[in-house]
Amino acid sequence: MKWEHPPIIKIYEALGSIADGRIQITGTTAKVFSSSGNKFYTVKYDAVSHAVMVNDNGSFYKGYLGYPALAYLMLTGELVYQPSIAQKLKGIAWKDINQKFNNNFDKTLEFIMSKQSVEDRQKIVEGVDKIDAQLKIKSYNLLGEKVQPPEGY
């Protein structure tokens, strides 16, 4: 079984989590802390089979590869990203903003990007588009059974 292609905002969230230093990698696994810092998601990866397991809500309930897995794949070099782009997405309270817009990802992204300069918006979009293009070429399998997401804020 394959993971679905994630909504574009999940790439932005992954970059933000990298910039915030919310990822602890140990070999082929990682803990990725939420933007609230009150819970963490677990990522496991098998490079040979291109299989990933991650227990964030989007991955568990919607079947797409969630931001914690994307962040892990970027930090381990499986997906190429620009650290300078990630830094432009540092310190964003993703959970709070998503809740403010009732999980309407388009509105959340519009709000976040409205806080960026025109030049930075262009750089961010270009960087995210490059990552998205890699995801469209690559295919990731589920690694085992889906795992229930953590509860809490």
C-alpha atoms as a PDB file:
ATOM      1  CA  MET A   1       0.000   0.000   0.000  1.00  0.00           C
ATOM      2  CA  LYS A   2       1.262   3.485  -0.933  1.00  0.00           C
ATOM      3  CA  TRP A   3       0.985   6.790   0.886  1.00  0.00           C
ATOM      4  CA  GLU A   4      -1.088   9.421  -0.884  1.00  0.00           C
ATOM      5  CA  HIS A   5       0.492  12.674  -2.026  1.00  0.00           C
ATOM      6  CA  PRO A   6       0.289  15.213   0.826  1.00  0.00           C
ATOM      7  CA  PRO A   7      -1.434  18.596   0.664  1.00  0.00           C
ATOM      8  CA  ILE A   8       1.166  21.237  -0.223  1.00  0.00           C
ATOM      9  CA  ILE A   9       0.893  22.863   3.204  1.00  0.00           C
ATOM     10  CA  LYS A  10       2.442  19.747   4.756  1.00  0.00           C
ATOM     11  CA  ILE A  11       5.720  20.583   3.022  1.00  0.00           C
ATOM     12  CA  TYR A  12       5.603  24.062   4.588  1.00  0.00           C
ATOM     13  CA  GLU A  13       4.898  22.508   8.000  1.00  0.00           C
ATOM     14  CA  ALA A  14       7.774  20.062   7.581  1.00  0.00           C
ATOM     15  CA  LEU A  15      10.157  22.892   6.754  1.00  0.00           C
ATOM     16  CA  GLY A  16       8.928  24.838   9.779  1.00  0.00           C
ATOM     17  CA  SER A  17       9.511  21.862  12.070  1.00  0.00           C
ATOM     18  CA  ILE A  18      13.053  21.546  10.724  1.00  0.00           C
ATOM     19  CA  ALA A  19      13.755  25.247  11.322  1.00  0.00           C
ATOM     20  CA  ASP A  20      12.348  24.968  14.850  1.00  0.00           C
ATOM     21  CA  GLY A  21      14.610  22.010  15.640  1.00  0.00           C
ATOM     22  CA  ARG A  22      11.627  19.860  16.635  1.00  0.00           C
ATOM     23  CA  ILE A  23      13.062  16.621  15.219  1.00  0.00           C
ATOM     24  CA  GLN A  24      15.189  14.060  17.032  1.00  0.00           C
ATOM     25  CA  ILE A  25      16.574  11.438  14.646  1.00  0.00           C
ATOM     26  CA  THR A  26      18.015   8.139  15.819  1.00  0.00           C
ATOM     27  CA  GLY A  27      19.025   6.032  12.840  1.00  0.00           C
ATOM     28  CA  THR A  28      15.916   5.058  10.903  1.00  0.00           C
ATOM     29  CA  THR A  29      13.469   6.527  13.413  1.00  0.00           C
ATOM     30  CA  ALA A  30      12.584   9.985  14.638  1.00  0.00           C
ATOM     31  CA  LYS A  31      10.513  11.862  17.157  1.00  0.00           C
ATOM     32  CA  VAL A  32       8.934  14.971  15.667  1.00  0.00           C
ATOM     33  CA  PHE A  33       7.441  17.351  18.206  1.00  0.00           C
ATOM     34  CA  SER A  34       4.269  19.261  17.393  1.00  0.00           C
ATOM     35  CA  SER A  35       4.348  23.050  17.035  1.00  0.00           C
ATOM     36  CA  SER A  36       2.720  23.285  20.476  1.00  0.00           C
ATOM     37  CA  GLY A  37       5.517  21.113  21.886  1.00  0.00           C
ATOM     38  CA  ASN A  38       2.997  19.082  23.880  1.00  0.00           C
ATOM     39  CA  LYS A  39       3.170  15.840  21.898  1.00  0.00           C
ATOM     40  CA  PHE A  40       5.395  14.076  19.429  1.00  0.00           C
ATOM     41  CA  TYR A  41       4.925  11.895  16.382  1.00  0.00           C
ATOM     42  CA  THR A  42       6.999   8.834  15.576  1.00  0.00           C
ATOM     43  CA  VAL A  43       8.540   8.244  12.162  1.00  0.00           C
ATOM     44  CA  LYS A  44      10.110   4.971  11.013  1.00  0.00           C
ATOM     45  CA  TYR A  45      11.762   4.524   7.624  1.00  0.00           C
ATOM     46  CA  ASP A  46      13.103   1.588   5.629  1.00  0.00           C
ATOM     47  CA  ALA A  47      15.226   2.918   2.768  1.00  0.00           C
ATOM     48  CA  VAL A  48      15.415  -0.442   0.988  1.00  0.00           C
ATOM     49  CA  SER A  49      11.652  -0.736   0.533  1.00  0.00           C
ATOM     50  CA  HIS A  50      10.987   3.031   0.510  1.00  0.00           C
ATOM     51  CA  ALA A  51       8.515   2.407   3.317  1.00  0.00           C
ATOM     52  CA  VAL A  52       7.526   4.904   5.990  1.00  0.00           C
ATOM     53  CA  MET A  53       5.362   4.771   9.062  1.00  0.00           C
ATOM     54  CA  VAL A  54       4.251   7.955  10.771  1.00  0.00           C
ATOM     55  CA  ASN A  55       1.469   8.512  13.260  1.00  0.00           C
ATOM     56  CA  ASP A  56       0.277  12.075  12.680  1.00  0.00           C
ATOM     57  CA  ASN A  57      -3.440  12.739  12.134  1.00  0.00           C
ATOM     58  CA  GLY A  58      -3.220  13.352   8.386  1.00  0.00           C
ATOM     59  CA  SER A  59      -1.321  10.147   7.786  1.00  0.00           C
ATOM     60  CA  PHE A  60      -3.572   8.048  10.007  1.00  0.00           C
ATOM     61  CA  TYR A  61      -6.969   9.448   9.035  1.00  0.00           C
ATOM     62  CA  LYS A  62      -6.425  10.762   5.502  1.00  0.00           C
ATOM     63  CA  GLY A  63      -3.726   8.414   4.207  1.00  0.00           C
ATOM     64  CA  TYR A  64      -1.227  11.003   2.979  1.00  0.00           C
ATOM     65  CA  LEU A  65       2.405  11.256   3.990  1.00  0.00           C
ATOM     66  CA  GLY A  66       2.322  13.753   6.870  1.00  0.00           C
ATOM     67  CA  TYR A  67       4.683  16.547   7.745  1.00  0.00           C
ATOM     68  CA  PRO A  68       6.693  14.589  10.363  1.00  0.00           C
ATOM     69  CA  ALA A  69       7.663  11.996   7.732  1.00  0.00           C
ATOM     70  CA  LEU A  70       8.429  14.718   5.190  1.00  0.00           C
ATOM     71  CA  ALA A  71      10.697  16.480   7.698  1.00  0.00           C
ATOM     72  CA  TYR A  72      12.521  13.218   8.429  1.00  0.00           C
ATOM     73  CA  LEU A  73      12.961  12.505   4.717  1.00  0.00           C
ATOM     74  CA  MET A  74      14.368  15.997   4.170  1.00  0.00           C
ATOM     75  CA  LEU A  75      16.787  15.852   7.085  1.00  0.00           C
ATOM     76  CA  THR A  76      18.113  12.442   6.044  1.00  0.00           C
ATOM     77  CA  GLY A  77      18.687  13.557   2.441  1.00  0.00           C
ATOM     78  CA  GLU A  78      15.944  11.429   0.886  1.00  0.00           C
ATOM     79  CA  LEU A  79      14.251  14.671  -0.177  1.00  0.00           C
ATOM     80  CA  VAL A  80      16.417  17.669  -1.062  1.00  0.00           C
ATOM     81  CA  TYR A  81      15.480  20.998   0.524  1.00  0.00           C
ATOM     82  CA  GLN A  82      17.088  24.385   1.133  1.00  0.00           C
ATOM     83  CA  PRO A  83      17.719  25.164   4.825  1.00  0.00           C
ATOM     84  CA  SER A  84      17.425  28.887   4.043  1.00  0.00           C
ATOM     85  CA  ILE A  85      13.816  28.315   2.948  1.00  0.00           C
ATOM     86  CA  ALA A  86      13.071  26.372   6.134  1.00  0.00           C
ATOM     87  CA  GLN A  87      14.386  29.270   8.229  1.00  0.00           C
ATOM     88  CA  LYS A  88      11.748  31.566   6.724  1.00  0.00           C
ATOM     89  CA  LEU A  89       9.084  29.283   8.249  1.00  0.00           C
ATOM     90  CA  LYS A  90      10.559  29.202  11.754  1.00  0.00           C
ATOM     91  CA  GLY A  91       8.427  29.844  14.827  1.00  0.00           C
ATOM     92  CA  ILE A  92       4.995  29.351  13.272  1.00  0.00           C
ATOM     93  CA  ALA A  93       2.247  28.056  15.570  1.00  0.00           C
ATOM     94  CA  TRP A  94       0.815  25.674  12.959  1.00  0.00           C
ATOM     95  CA  LYS A  95      -1.715  23.988  15.221  1.00  0.00           C
ATOM     96  CA  ASP A  96      -3.151  27.291  16.458  1.00  0.00           C
ATOM     97  CA  ILE A  97      -3.393  28.773  12.979  1.00  0.00           C
ATOM     98  CA  ASN A  98      -4.949  25.608  11.536  1.00  0.00           C
ATOM     99  CA  GLN A  99      -7.553  25.674  14.318  1.00  0.00           C
ATOM    100  CA  LYS A 100      -8.212  29.376  13.736  1.00  0.00           C
ATOM    101  CA  PHE A 101      -9.164  28.529  10.138  1.00  0.00           C
ATOM    102  CA  ASN A 102     -11.002  25.269  10.978  1.00  0.00           C
ATOM    103  CA  ASN A 103      -8.275  23.197   9.273  1.00  0.00           C
ATOM    104  CA  ASN A 104      -8.819  24.990   5.980  1.00  0.00           C
ATOM    105  CA  PHE A 105      -5.261  24.554   4.733  1.00  0.00           C
ATOM    106  CA  ASP A 106      -5.651  27.114   1.928  1.00  0.00           C
ATOM    107  CA  LYS A 107      -6.623  29.832   4.420  1.00  0.00           C
ATOM    108  CA  THR A 108      -3.873  28.786   6.821  1.00  0.00           C
ATOM    109  CA  LEU A 109      -1.265  28.971   4.083  1.00  0.00           C
ATOM    110  CA  GLU A 110      -2.595  32.308   2.837  1.00  0.00           C
ATOM    111  CA  PHE A 111      -2.360  33.713   6.367  1.00  0.00           C
ATOM    112  CA  ILE A 112       1.189  32.423   6.898  1.00  0.00           C
ATOM    113  CA  MET A 113       2.408  33.662   3.543  1.00  0.00           C
ATOM    114  CA  SER A 114       0.835  37.093   4.099  1.00  0.00           C
ATOM    115  CA  LYS A 115       3.383  37.568   6.903  1.00  0.00           C
ATOM    116  CA  GLN A 116       6.288  37.087   4.468  1.00  0.00           C
ATOM    117  CA  SER A 117       7.841  39.704   2.205  1.00  0.00           C
ATOM    118  CA  VAL A 118       7.051  39.437  -1.501  1.00  0.00           C
ATOM    119  CA  GLU A 119      10.615  38.302  -2.187  1.00  0.00           C
ATOM    120  CA  ASP A 120      10.521  35.671   0.558  1.00  0.00           C
ATOM    121  CA  ARG A 121       7.113  34.403  -0.599  1.00  0.00           C
ATOM    122  CA  GLN A 122       8.556  33.780  -4.045  1.00  0.00           C
ATOM    123  CA  LYS A 123      11.609  31.964  -2.655  1.00  0.00           C
ATOM    124  CA  ILE A 124       9.489  29.839  -0.328  1.00  0.00           C
ATOM    125  CA  VAL A 125       7.035  28.846  -3.057  1.00  0.00           C
ATOM    126  CA  GLU A 126       9.879  27.935  -5.423  1.00  0.00           C
ATOM    127  CA  GLY A 127      11.582  25.834  -2.734  1.00  0.00           C
ATOM    128  CA  VAL A 128       8.359  24.067  -1.770  1.00  0.00           C
ATOM    129  CA  ASP A 129       7.533  23.408  -5.428  1.00  0.00           C
ATOM    130  CA  LYS A 130      10.918  21.681  -5.863  1.00  0.00           C
ATOM    131  CA  ILE A 131      10.191  19.393  -2.914  1.00  0.00           C
ATOM    132  CA  ASP A 132       6.683  18.726  -4.202  1.00  0.00           C
ATOM    133  CA  ALA A 133       8.117  17.764  -7.609  1.00  0.00           C
ATOM    134  CA  GLN A 134      10.389  15.216  -5.895  1.00  0.00           C
ATOM    135  CA  LEU A 135       7.391  13.759  -4.051  1.00  0.00           C
ATOM    136  CA  LYS A 136       5.481  13.383  -7.310  1.00  0.00           C
ATOM    137  CA  ILE A 137       8.327  11.288  -8.735  1.00  0.00           C
ATOM    138  CA  LYS A 138       9.042   9.222  -5.628  1.00  0.00           C
ATOM    139  CA  SER A 139       6.641   6.726  -4.171  1.00  0.00           C
ATOM    140  CA  TYR A 140       6.537   5.698  -0.523  1.00  0.00           C
ATOM    141  CA  ASN A 141       5.003   2.535   0.888  1.00  0.00           C
ATOM    142  CA  LEU A 142       3.426   2.068   4.277  1.00  0.00           C
ATOM    143  CA  LEU A 143       5.760   0.415   6.740  1.00  0.00           C
ATOM    144  CA  GLY A 144       3.537  -2.015   8.602  1.00  0.00           C
ATOM    145  CA  GLU A 145       0.119  -1.184   9.991  1.00  0.00           C
ATOM    146  CA  LYS A 146      -0.946   2.404  10.626  1.00  0.00           C
ATOM    147  CA  VAL A 147      -0.270   3.591  14.153  1.00  0.00           C
ATOM    148  CA  GLN A 148      -2.785   5.625  16.184  1.00  0.00           C
ATOM    149  CA  PRO A 149      -1.817   9.318  16.557  1.00  0.00           C
ATOM    150  CA  PRO A 150      -0.980  10.733  19.987  1.00  0.00           C
ATOM    151  CA  GLU A 151      -3.729  12.595  21.812  1.00  0.00           C
ATOM    152  CA  GLY A 152      -3.572  16.087  23.207  1.00  0.00           C
ATOM    153  CA  TYR A 153      -2.834  19.577  22.035  1.00  0.00           C
END
